[in-house]
Each structure stands twice: as C-alpha cells, then as structure tokens.
Amino acid sequence: MRDIGVRKIKIKRLWKLCEDGLFAIPEIQREFVWDIKKACNLLDSIYRQLPIGSLLIWETGADRRNLLRHAQRILPEFNYQNRKIWFLIDGQQRLCVLFRAKKGGSIVNYNDKEVDFAHICFSFDKRFETRFIKNKRPVPKLHIPLINILAPNWRNKLQSLSKGKFNEIEKFRRIISDYEVPVILISTSDLEEVRESFLRINSGGLRISAADSAFTRASRLNLRHLVNELRANLPHGFNQIDRGILQFAATLILGEREVGGRAVEAALVKEERKEFQNGRVSIKFGRKWKEISECIRKAVDYLCTEIGLPNFEFLPSDNMLATLAFFFYANNRAQPLSSQKRELHKWFWATAVAGRYAGRGYRQNILDDVKFFDALGKRRNGRFIFRDLVPRTEIKRADYFNILRSCYCVLSASM
C-alpha cells in the first residue's frame, strides 16, 4: 500500500460528503448487515463520546466507477461529477447508520430483516441502559424520534419539551455534529491490494461469511448482484436460501468437483480470471449465468411441483437444491422423463430420511450424487443406489418432523 493518510472528519461533514455522492460501495464489500440494536448502540457510544472506530477509504479516480455497486439504496448513489471516488473498505455499517440516523427511511439488511430508522428514539427513561431505543410508538416527551432531533426544523418539532429536556436534546445535536471520526485514506491502483485489505480487516472483526469472501475474490464478475437478483426472484420461500448454496450450485455447473467454502471461492476466482478480459466480463459468462439461473429455477420448481414441498422450510438440506440444479444442467435443462423421475424421487427421500447431506460422510455423498446426476441426465442410465446404513440409535434420535410434514403434504396433494 502507498499514500496512506489519516484525518479526523466531523460527522456533520460526513453527512455533507454523503449528500454530495462522494462515497461508494465497491463490489468487494458485503451489504448492510447491522440490525437496529447495533445502530442504537453506535449512537449511544457517540452520545457518551466513546470511540467508534475508523473508516478505511480507498481514494481513487472516478475512472474506477466500474467497480462500484449500484442500487445499494442506503447511501446516496455516487455522483459522476466528482473527480474522485471514496470507496468504503471498512466502516460501511457505521457510516450507513450515521447517514440514515439523519435521513431516516427503512431498509432491508443482508439477513432480510427490516431496519426502520424512523423507529430509533432518544429516551429520557432512566430505566434503559442506553439512551437510544427502538420504539414504534414513542411516548410523547419521553421518547423522541431521532429523525425529529436531527431535522432542520427540530426546534419547532420539539417546542413542547421542558427546558431541561430541550437543552439535553440540543447538547446531543452538538455532540453528534461535532464528533470526529478517524478516516484512513489509502491511494492505490492495485485492486488486489484492496481486496486483500478488506478480507484481512474483516477476519479480525465481524467475520464475513464464505459467500461474502467468494463475492470479494471474484468481484469483477458482478456475482453479488447476479446472485442477489436470482435469489430475490425464487418462488415458494426459496428467496431465503443461503447465497452460498447458489454459489455452490453455480460452481458444480461450471465443473468444480469439490465441496466447501474454499473450493467454491477458488472456483469462482478461476472463473473470474478466465472470463474477465480487457476490462470487461465476457459475453460467454453472461450466457453461462443465464444457464445456471435457469437450472436453479427448474430445481426449485421440481421440488415444489413434483416432489411436493410446500415451501423452502420443508427442504431437508439446502445442498439438495445445488445438486438437483446440476441434474437439470446435465439433462440439458429439459424436464425429466418418467424413468428419471423415479430415480429422483428415490434420491430425494433417501437423502431426506437418512440425512445424507449432514454429518460424517456428507461431502462424499454430495460428490457421489453429482456423478449419479451426471449419468442420469446425460446418458439417462443413472441409478440411485442407497448404500448408507443408518444405525437404529440415530433413527431414534433423529427429528423427522419436517420430513413427516412433507410426506403428509405430498400424500394430501395426490389424493
């Protein structure tokens, strides 16, 4: 790294820089993951004038705007009239909370939980350990919505408060406006250095998931956007499935024959090196992703219409979606014949009841099933043979509630 500078910037200045569209979220960054409790704790730390950590910024020219993530909907979009971009490498969660504390609004975080900043209130109730709480129905003169405190016309909004409470609110406004946040600015043209910095920083703090690590390593393929778009449009509750499962399905279709987060990450990095040429993603990868998406959607449809799953909650193992998606790839995305359906049903129920994708031996079972699906799809001669002997003691301990519910739904649908 070179050209590293450190400065302290007041929050009121950070608000202005956000509004000016200077900040941007790079594709290597994960999405907003905090909940409203973490947001309240951050604001309480500022109120008590405790340190909240620094922002790590990659300062680069506007010509690198191809690396920014669009439609992130938390901070204002990057303003293309700016000559520089401040990419947030660390501190995205904190800056987003600071901006939304003033701006308000409701967003959905990475875990599909709604975070409504209009519900954050400053509390005069001494029973609470923190001065900031979540309250959908604030008690007048006891819980003051934060967006009213930070509004330009805050004096009019809060004129009914007693002098003591009004002065306390005025004091908080000064504290948050003048609070200085350390900002580390790094100037480099090496994207790999930036990616490595992000991964190292997050491995020492709030650890990123295997899926996020893969998104970071292969960020130039725009996989985060592609996976999120595919996931959001999956029916029957499958839009709740872990993003890593969709990555795993993609790598199986791309030819990877290993299981685990590191294998998926390595396969996606290899794909990025192959398909990102001359500053752009190849047309070939676009076609590949379209094919991958179709296979995953067909797998969801088959599980719900042919197997009889009412929704995602009944899926015994998330990895079953990935291997079934591979079958549709091997089958040239066609609907299975009756002979293939018989094998698919045998595979599904044996895997569900025996828990073949959980515990010891799950990795080899998955790889064996990929070979089985390859033969079943390409040559139509695959046969599912169940060799897993389940000890009676494990059967007694197993929780088959969801499996029995699935059986009941399937039988009810056929009657």
Protein backbone atom coordinates (compact mmCIF):
# COMPACT_ATOMS: atom_id res chain seq x y z
CA MET A 1 0.00 0.00 0.00
CA ARG A 2 1.17 3.55 -0.59
CA ASP A 3 -0.03 7.13 0.02
CA ILE A 4 -1.75 6.46 3.33
CA GLY A 5 -3.20 9.48 5.11
CA VAL A 6 -5.14 9.86 8.35
CA ARG A 7 -7.52 12.66 9.18
CA LYS A 8 -10.42 13.34 11.53
CA ILE A 9 -13.71 14.36 9.96
CA LYS A 10 -16.71 15.64 11.89
CA ILE A 11 -19.98 13.79 11.43
CA LYS A 12 -21.69 16.92 10.06
CA ARG A 13 -19.00 16.94 7.34
CA LEU A 14 -19.54 13.23 6.65
CA TRP A 15 -23.25 13.95 6.18
CA LYS A 16 -22.37 16.58 3.59
CA LEU A 17 -19.94 14.25 1.77
CA CYS A 18 -22.64 11.57 1.65
CA GLU A 19 -25.13 14.00 0.16
CA ASP A 20 -22.50 15.08 -2.37
CA GLY A 21 -22.26 11.49 -3.59
CA LEU A 22 -18.55 11.11 -2.84
CA PHE A 23 -18.82 7.73 -1.10
CA ALA A 24 -19.37 4.48 -2.96
CA ILE A 25 -19.69 0.82 -2.05
CA PRO A 26 -17.33 -1.39 -4.06
CA GLU A 27 -18.41 -4.80 -5.28
CA ILE A 28 -15.87 -6.39 -2.94
CA GLN A 29 -17.85 -5.08 0.04
CA ARG A 30 -20.63 -7.06 1.66
CA GLU A 31 -24.03 -5.48 2.10
CA PHE A 32 -25.54 -3.77 5.13
CA VAL A 33 -25.73 -6.42 7.87
CA TRP A 34 -26.42 -4.49 11.05
CA ASP A 35 -29.77 -4.52 12.84
CA ILE A 36 -31.47 -1.69 14.72
CA LYS A 37 -29.94 -2.73 18.06
CA LYS A 38 -26.41 -2.30 16.71
CA ALA A 39 -27.44 1.08 15.28
CA CYS A 40 -28.73 2.19 18.69
CA ASN A 41 -25.52 1.06 20.40
CA LEU A 42 -23.41 3.06 17.94
CA LEU A 43 -25.44 6.22 18.57
CA ASP A 44 -25.23 5.67 22.32
CA SER A 45 -21.44 5.41 22.09
CA ILE A 46 -21.35 8.75 20.26
CA TYR A 47 -23.64 10.30 22.89
CA ARG A 48 -21.22 9.13 25.59
CA GLN A 49 -18.33 10.34 23.40
CA LEU A 50 -16.72 6.91 23.25
CA PRO A 51 -14.54 5.86 20.26
CA ILE A 52 -16.44 4.10 17.46
CA GLY A 53 -13.51 3.09 15.25
CA SER A 54 -12.24 4.49 11.99
CA LEU A 55 -13.35 4.49 8.38
CA LEU A 56 -10.97 2.94 5.86
CA ILE A 57 -11.36 4.62 2.49
CA TRP A 58 -9.87 3.68 -0.86
CA GLU A 59 -9.45 7.01 -2.63
CA THR A 60 -9.24 6.57 -6.37
CA GLY A 61 -10.16 8.32 -9.60
CA ALA A 62 -13.68 8.40 -11.00
CA ASP A 63 -12.45 6.21 -13.86
CA ARG A 64 -12.73 3.22 -11.45
CA ARG A 65 -16.50 3.69 -11.16
CA ASN A 66 -16.97 0.35 -12.95
CA LEU A 67 -16.11 -1.24 -9.58
CA LEU A 68 -18.92 0.38 -7.62
CA ARG A 69 -22.09 -1.40 -6.64
CA HIS A 70 -25.30 0.18 -7.90
CA ALA A 71 -28.72 0.18 -6.25
CA GLN A 72 -27.35 -0.28 -2.74
CA ARG A 73 -30.12 2.08 -1.53
CA ILE A 74 -28.55 3.03 1.81
CA LEU A 75 -26.12 5.80 0.95
CA PRO A 76 -26.76 8.21 -1.93
CA GLU A 77 -25.55 6.98 -5.31
CA PHE A 78 -22.10 8.12 -6.40
CA ASN A 79 -22.22 11.47 -8.18
CA TYR A 80 -20.43 11.11 -11.53
CA GLN A 81 -19.47 14.79 -11.47
CA ASN A 82 -16.98 14.01 -8.69
CA ARG A 83 -13.39 13.58 -9.88
CA LYS A 84 -12.62 11.10 -7.10
CA ILE A 85 -14.39 8.17 -5.51
CA TRP A 86 -14.18 7.31 -1.83
CA PHE A 87 -14.74 3.56 -1.77
CA LEU A 88 -15.70 2.28 1.69
CA ILE A 89 -13.43 -0.66 2.56
CA ASP A 90 -14.13 -0.70 6.31
CA GLY A 91 -16.74 1.22 8.29
CA GLN A 92 -19.63 0.86 5.85
CA GLN A 93 -22.02 -0.23 8.61
CA ARG A 94 -21.15 2.76 10.81
CA LEU A 95 -21.32 5.36 8.05
CA CYS A 96 -24.65 3.99 6.82
CA VAL A 97 -26.12 4.25 10.34
CA LEU A 98 -24.82 7.81 10.74
CA PHE A 99 -26.34 8.85 7.42
CA ARG A 100 -29.67 7.09 7.99
CA ALA A 101 -29.92 8.44 11.54
CA LYS A 102 -30.34 11.87 9.97
CA LYS A 103 -32.05 10.88 6.74
CA GLY A 104 -34.41 8.21 8.13
CA GLY A 105 -36.01 5.59 5.95
CA SER A 106 -36.48 1.85 6.08
CA ILE A 107 -34.09 -0.66 4.53
CA VAL A 108 -33.78 -4.45 4.40
CA ASN A 109 -30.43 -5.76 5.56
CA TYR A 110 -28.38 -8.68 4.24
CA ASN A 111 -30.29 -11.07 6.50
CA ASP A 112 -33.64 -9.92 5.07
CA LYS A 113 -34.58 -8.06 8.27
CA GLU A 114 -36.20 -4.65 8.05
CA VAL A 115 -34.32 -1.82 9.74
CA ASP A 116 -36.57 1.23 10.09
CA PHE A 117 -34.55 4.21 11.27
CA ALA A 118 -37.75 6.16 11.96
CA HIS A 119 -38.22 3.86 14.98
CA ILE A 120 -34.97 4.90 16.69
CA CYS A 121 -35.74 7.19 19.62
CA PHE A 122 -33.77 9.18 22.15
CA SER A 123 -35.09 8.12 25.53
CA PHE A 124 -35.39 10.15 28.71
CA ASP A 125 -36.37 6.97 30.56
CA LYS A 126 -33.57 6.25 33.05
CA ARG A 127 -34.55 2.56 33.26
CA PHE A 128 -32.85 1.89 29.91
CA GLU A 129 -29.10 1.27 29.84
CA THR A 130 -28.84 3.07 26.51
CA ARG A 131 -30.25 6.46 25.60
CA PHE A 132 -31.30 5.15 22.17
CA ILE A 133 -34.02 2.54 21.78
CA LYS A 134 -36.30 1.06 19.16
CA ASN A 135 -39.87 2.23 19.68
CA LYS A 136 -42.59 2.07 17.04
CA ARG A 137 -44.99 4.03 19.27
CA PRO A 138 -42.91 6.59 21.15
CA VAL A 139 -44.38 8.08 24.32
CA PRO A 140 -44.64 11.88 23.82
CA LYS A 141 -42.00 13.86 25.72
CA LEU A 142 -40.34 10.60 26.87
CA HIS A 143 -39.17 9.01 23.59
CA ILE A 144 -38.10 11.48 20.89
CA PRO A 145 -37.68 10.12 17.32
CA LEU A 146 -34.11 10.66 16.20
CA ILE A 147 -35.15 11.95 12.77
CA ASN A 148 -37.02 14.79 14.57
CA ILE A 149 -33.94 15.61 16.65
CA LEU A 150 -31.70 15.84 13.57
CA ALA A 151 -34.28 17.56 11.34
CA PRO A 152 -33.54 21.13 10.13
CA ASN A 153 -36.73 22.38 11.85
CA TRP A 154 -36.06 20.45 15.07
CA ARG A 155 -36.84 23.44 17.28
CA ASN A 156 -40.41 23.61 16.01
CA LYS A 157 -40.85 19.84 16.28
CA LEU A 158 -39.66 19.75 19.89
CA GLN A 159 -41.01 23.05 21.21
CA SER A 160 -43.36 21.25 23.62
CA LEU A 161 -40.47 19.79 25.62
CA SER A 162 -39.49 21.17 29.00
CA LYS A 163 -36.46 23.44 29.11
CA GLY A 164 -34.31 20.73 30.70
CA LYS A 165 -35.17 18.11 28.08
CA PHE A 166 -34.83 20.64 25.27
CA ASN A 167 -31.34 21.56 26.47
CA GLU A 168 -30.35 17.88 26.60
CA ILE A 169 -31.50 17.38 23.01
CA GLU A 170 -29.59 20.49 21.96
CA LYS A 171 -26.49 19.10 23.69
CA PHE A 172 -26.78 15.79 21.81
CA ARG A 173 -27.13 17.61 18.49
CA ARG A 174 -23.83 19.39 19.18
CA ILE A 175 -22.15 16.16 20.25
CA ILE A 176 -23.13 14.17 17.16
CA SER A 177 -22.48 17.03 14.73
CA ASP A 178 -19.01 17.78 16.09
CA TYR A 179 -18.00 14.18 16.83
CA GLU A 180 -14.77 13.45 14.96
CA VAL A 181 -14.41 10.13 13.14
CA PRO A 182 -10.88 8.97 12.22
CA VAL A 183 -10.66 8.42 8.46
CA ILE A 184 -7.79 6.47 6.88
CA LEU A 185 -7.35 7.30 3.19
CA ILE A 186 -5.44 4.84 1.02
CA SER A 187 -4.49 5.66 -2.55
CA THR A 188 -3.51 2.72 -4.74
CA SER A 189 -4.22 1.45 -8.24
CA ASP A 190 -3.91 -2.22 -7.24
CA LEU A 191 -7.34 -3.80 -6.81
CA GLU A 192 -5.82 -6.99 -5.39
CA GLU A 193 -4.30 -4.98 -2.54
CA VAL A 194 -7.69 -3.51 -1.75
CA ARG A 195 -9.44 -6.89 -1.84
CA GLU A 196 -6.82 -8.41 0.47
CA SER A 197 -7.14 -5.48 2.88
CA PHE A 198 -10.89 -5.95 3.09
CA LEU A 199 -10.60 -9.67 3.82
CA ARG A 200 -7.87 -9.22 6.43
CA ILE A 201 -9.73 -6.45 8.23
CA ASN A 202 -12.95 -8.44 8.42
CA SER A 203 -11.26 -11.67 9.51
CA GLY A 204 -10.21 -9.81 12.65
CA GLY A 205 -13.60 -8.32 13.38
CA LEU A 206 -17.12 -9.33 12.39
CA ARG A 207 -16.13 -12.31 10.28
CA ILE A 208 -17.54 -12.37 6.80
CA SER A 209 -19.30 -15.45 5.51
CA ALA A 210 -17.80 -17.85 2.98
CA ALA A 211 -20.25 -16.47 0.43
CA ASP A 212 -19.09 -12.89 1.04
CA SER A 213 -15.46 -13.94 0.80
CA ALA A 214 -16.18 -15.51 -2.60
CA PHE A 215 -18.05 -12.40 -3.74
CA THR A 216 -15.00 -10.32 -2.79
CA ARG A 217 -12.46 -12.54 -4.51
CA ALA A 218 -14.47 -12.65 -7.74
CA SER A 219 -15.97 -9.17 -7.56
CA ARG A 220 -15.34 -8.27 -11.22
CA LEU A 221 -17.92 -10.84 -12.35
CA ASN A 222 -20.59 -8.81 -10.50
CA LEU A 223 -21.63 -12.06 -8.81
CA ARG A 224 -23.09 -10.38 -5.75
CA HIS A 225 -25.66 -8.61 -7.88
CA LEU A 226 -26.34 -11.67 -10.04
CA VAL A 227 -26.84 -13.99 -7.06
CA ASN A 228 -28.99 -11.48 -5.17
CA GLU A 229 -31.17 -10.89 -8.22
CA LEU A 230 -31.64 -14.64 -8.79
CA ARG A 231 -32.31 -15.31 -5.10
CA ALA A 232 -34.85 -12.49 -4.75
CA ASN A 233 -36.97 -13.94 -7.57
CA LEU A 234 -37.04 -17.58 -6.43
CA PRO A 235 -40.61 -18.65 -5.52
CA HIS A 236 -42.02 -20.69 -2.62
CA GLY A 237 -39.81 -19.04 0.01
CA PHE A 238 -36.57 -20.10 -1.69
CA ASN A 239 -35.58 -16.42 -1.71
CA GLN A 240 -34.48 -17.15 1.89
CA ILE A 241 -31.87 -19.72 0.89
CA ASP A 242 -28.25 -19.03 1.78
CA ARG A 243 -26.39 -17.26 -1.01
CA GLY A 244 -23.53 -19.72 -0.63
CA ILE A 245 -25.79 -22.54 -1.84
CA LEU A 246 -26.45 -20.66 -5.08
CA GLN A 247 -22.69 -20.13 -5.47
CA PHE A 248 -22.15 -23.85 -4.87
CA ALA A 249 -24.74 -24.76 -7.50
CA ALA A 250 -23.01 -22.42 -9.95
CA THR A 251 -19.59 -23.97 -9.36
CA LEU A 252 -20.95 -27.51 -9.80
CA ILE A 253 -22.37 -26.47 -13.16
CA LEU A 254 -19.08 -24.74 -14.03
CA GLY A 255 -17.23 -28.00 -13.43
CA GLU A 256 -15.99 -27.82 -9.82
CA ARG A 257 -15.92 -31.19 -8.08
CA GLU A 258 -15.16 -30.23 -4.51
CA VAL A 259 -17.32 -29.23 -1.55
CA GLY A 260 -16.80 -26.35 0.88
CA GLY A 261 -16.43 -22.59 1.00
CA ARG A 262 -12.78 -22.53 -0.02
CA ALA A 263 -13.44 -24.75 -3.04
CA VAL A 264 -16.31 -22.54 -4.15
CA GLU A 265 -14.19 -19.42 -3.70
CA ALA A 266 -11.28 -20.91 -5.67
CA ALA A 267 -13.60 -21.99 -8.49
CA LEU A 268 -15.14 -18.52 -8.77
CA VAL A 269 -11.73 -16.82 -8.74
CA LYS A 270 -10.62 -19.16 -11.53
CA GLU A 271 -13.77 -18.30 -13.47
CA GLU A 272 -13.15 -14.58 -12.99
CA ARG A 273 -9.61 -14.85 -14.36
CA LYS A 274 -10.90 -16.72 -17.37
CA GLU A 275 -13.94 -14.59 -18.14
CA PHE A 276 -12.77 -11.07 -17.24
CA GLN A 277 -10.73 -9.84 -20.18
CA ASN A 278 -9.78 -6.36 -21.39
CA GLY A 279 -11.65 -4.65 -18.57
CA ARG A 280 -14.98 -6.37 -19.11
CA VAL A 281 -16.82 -9.62 -18.45
CA SER A 282 -17.10 -11.85 -21.49
CA ILE A 283 -20.38 -12.46 -23.28
CA LYS A 284 -19.74 -16.15 -22.72
CA PHE A 285 -20.05 -15.73 -18.94
CA GLY A 286 -23.36 -13.93 -19.37
CA ARG A 287 -24.68 -16.96 -21.24
CA LYS A 288 -23.27 -19.29 -18.59
CA TRP A 289 -25.02 -17.38 -15.82
CA LYS A 290 -28.31 -17.44 -17.68
CA GLU A 291 -27.97 -21.22 -17.94
CA ILE A 292 -27.06 -21.55 -14.25
CA SER A 293 -30.05 -19.43 -13.22
CA GLU A 294 -32.42 -21.50 -15.33
CA CYS A 295 -31.16 -24.76 -13.79
CA ILE A 296 -31.62 -23.42 -10.26
CA ARG A 297 -35.14 -22.20 -11.01
CA LYS A 298 -36.05 -25.55 -12.55
CA ALA A 299 -34.73 -27.32 -9.45
CA VAL A 300 -36.93 -25.17 -7.21
CA ASP A 301 -39.95 -25.80 -9.43
CA TYR A 302 -39.33 -29.57 -9.44
CA LEU A 303 -39.00 -29.74 -5.65
CA CYS A 304 -42.30 -27.92 -5.20
CA THR A 305 -44.42 -29.32 -8.05
CA GLU A 306 -43.10 -32.87 -8.44
CA ILE A 307 -41.68 -33.74 -5.04
CA GLY A 308 -44.42 -31.81 -3.29
CA LEU A 309 -42.56 -29.46 -0.96
CA PRO A 310 -44.94 -26.68 0.12
CA ASN A 311 -42.08 -24.20 0.51
CA PHE A 312 -38.40 -23.77 1.31
CA GLU A 313 -38.85 -24.54 5.01
CA PHE A 314 -39.53 -28.19 4.17
CA LEU A 315 -36.27 -28.72 2.27
CA PRO A 316 -34.28 -31.26 4.36
CA SER A 317 -30.90 -29.89 3.25
CA ASP A 318 -30.11 -26.71 1.33
CA ASN A 319 -27.38 -28.54 -0.60
CA MET A 320 -30.08 -30.67 -2.22
CA LEU A 321 -31.05 -27.65 -4.32
CA ALA A 322 -27.47 -27.34 -5.59
CA THR A 323 -27.11 -30.97 -6.66
CA LEU A 324 -30.59 -31.05 -8.20
CA ALA A 325 -29.73 -27.89 -10.17
CA PHE A 326 -26.72 -29.78 -11.51
CA PHE A 327 -29.04 -32.57 -12.69
CA PHE A 328 -31.01 -30.10 -14.80
CA TYR A 329 -27.74 -28.87 -16.30
CA ALA A 330 -26.72 -32.46 -17.12
CA ASN A 331 -30.21 -33.04 -18.54
CA ASN A 332 -29.76 -30.08 -20.88
CA ARG A 333 -32.35 -28.11 -18.83
CA ALA A 334 -35.14 -30.42 -20.04
CA GLN A 335 -37.91 -31.81 -17.86
CA PRO A 336 -37.09 -35.34 -16.64
CA LEU A 337 -38.65 -38.44 -18.22
CA SER A 338 -40.77 -40.79 -16.10
CA SER A 339 -37.81 -43.15 -15.62
CA GLN A 340 -35.67 -40.24 -14.43
CA LYS A 341 -38.41 -39.07 -12.08
CA ARG A 342 -38.41 -42.44 -10.33
CA GLU A 343 -34.68 -42.10 -9.64
CA LEU A 344 -35.08 -38.51 -8.49
CA HIS A 345 -37.78 -39.48 -6.02
CA LYS A 346 -35.62 -42.31 -4.66
CA TRP A 347 -32.73 -39.87 -4.27
CA PHE A 348 -34.83 -37.23 -2.55
CA TRP A 349 -36.45 -39.44 0.08
CA ALA A 350 -33.32 -41.46 0.82
CA THR A 351 -31.31 -38.28 1.26
CA ALA A 352 -34.02 -36.67 3.39
CA VAL A 353 -34.69 -39.59 5.73
CA ALA A 354 -31.08 -40.74 6.08
CA GLY A 355 -29.68 -37.22 6.42
CA ARG A 356 -27.10 -37.98 3.75
CA TYR A 357 -26.08 -34.32 3.39
CA ALA A 358 -25.37 -33.87 7.10
CA GLY A 359 -22.79 -35.25 9.49
CA ARG A 360 -19.89 -37.51 8.69
CA GLY A 361 -19.69 -38.54 5.05
CA TYR A 362 -21.85 -35.72 3.68
CA ARG A 363 -19.08 -34.47 1.38
CA GLN A 364 -18.62 -37.81 -0.35
CA ASN A 365 -22.38 -38.29 -0.62
CA ILE A 366 -22.70 -34.98 -2.44
CA LEU A 367 -19.88 -35.82 -4.84
CA ASP A 368 -21.35 -39.29 -5.46
CA ASP A 369 -24.72 -37.71 -6.22
CA VAL A 370 -23.13 -35.33 -8.73
CA LYS A 371 -21.77 -38.38 -10.59
CA PHE A 372 -25.19 -40.05 -10.35
CA PHE A 373 -26.96 -36.96 -11.71
CA ASP A 374 -24.39 -36.64 -14.49
CA ALA A 375 -25.18 -40.20 -15.66
CA LEU A 376 -28.92 -39.76 -15.12
CA GLY A 377 -29.01 -36.57 -17.16
CA LYS A 378 -26.52 -37.10 -19.97
CA ARG A 379 -26.92 -40.84 -20.58
CA ARG A 380 -30.31 -41.50 -18.96
CA ASN A 381 -28.81 -44.59 -17.32
CA GLY A 382 -28.05 -43.29 -13.83
CA ARG A 383 -29.44 -45.39 -10.99
CA PHE A 384 -29.66 -44.22 -7.44
CA ILE A 385 -28.41 -46.94 -5.12
CA PHE A 386 -28.81 -46.37 -1.40
CA ARG A 387 -25.82 -47.77 0.45
CA ASP A 388 -26.00 -45.72 3.64
CA LEU A 389 -26.93 -47.96 6.53
CA VAL A 390 -28.42 -45.81 9.27
CA PRO A 391 -27.89 -47.12 12.82
CA ARG A 392 -31.11 -47.70 14.72
CA THR A 393 -29.91 -45.39 17.50
CA GLU A 394 -29.55 -42.49 15.05
CA ILE A 395 -33.04 -43.11 13.69
CA LYS A 396 -34.43 -42.89 17.22
CA ARG A 397 -32.59 -39.63 17.88
CA ALA A 398 -33.45 -38.00 14.55
CA ASP A 399 -36.05 -35.26 14.26
CA TYR A 400 -38.28 -36.26 11.36
CA PHE A 401 -40.95 -33.66 11.98
CA ASN A 402 -40.34 -31.71 8.78
CA ILE A 403 -39.95 -34.90 6.75
CA LEU A 404 -43.27 -36.24 8.06
CA ARG A 405 -44.89 -32.90 7.28
CA SER A 406 -43.53 -33.12 3.72
CA CYS A 407 -44.87 -36.68 3.39
CA TYR A 408 -48.26 -35.54 4.57
CA CYS A 409 -48.33 -32.64 2.10
CA VAL A 410 -47.27 -34.88 -0.77
CA LEU A 411 -49.91 -37.50 0.06
CA SER A 412 -52.61 -34.84 0.52
CA ALA A 413 -51.80 -33.35 -2.88
CA SER A 414 -52.10 -36.74 -4.57
CA MET A 415 -55.47 -37.63 -3.03
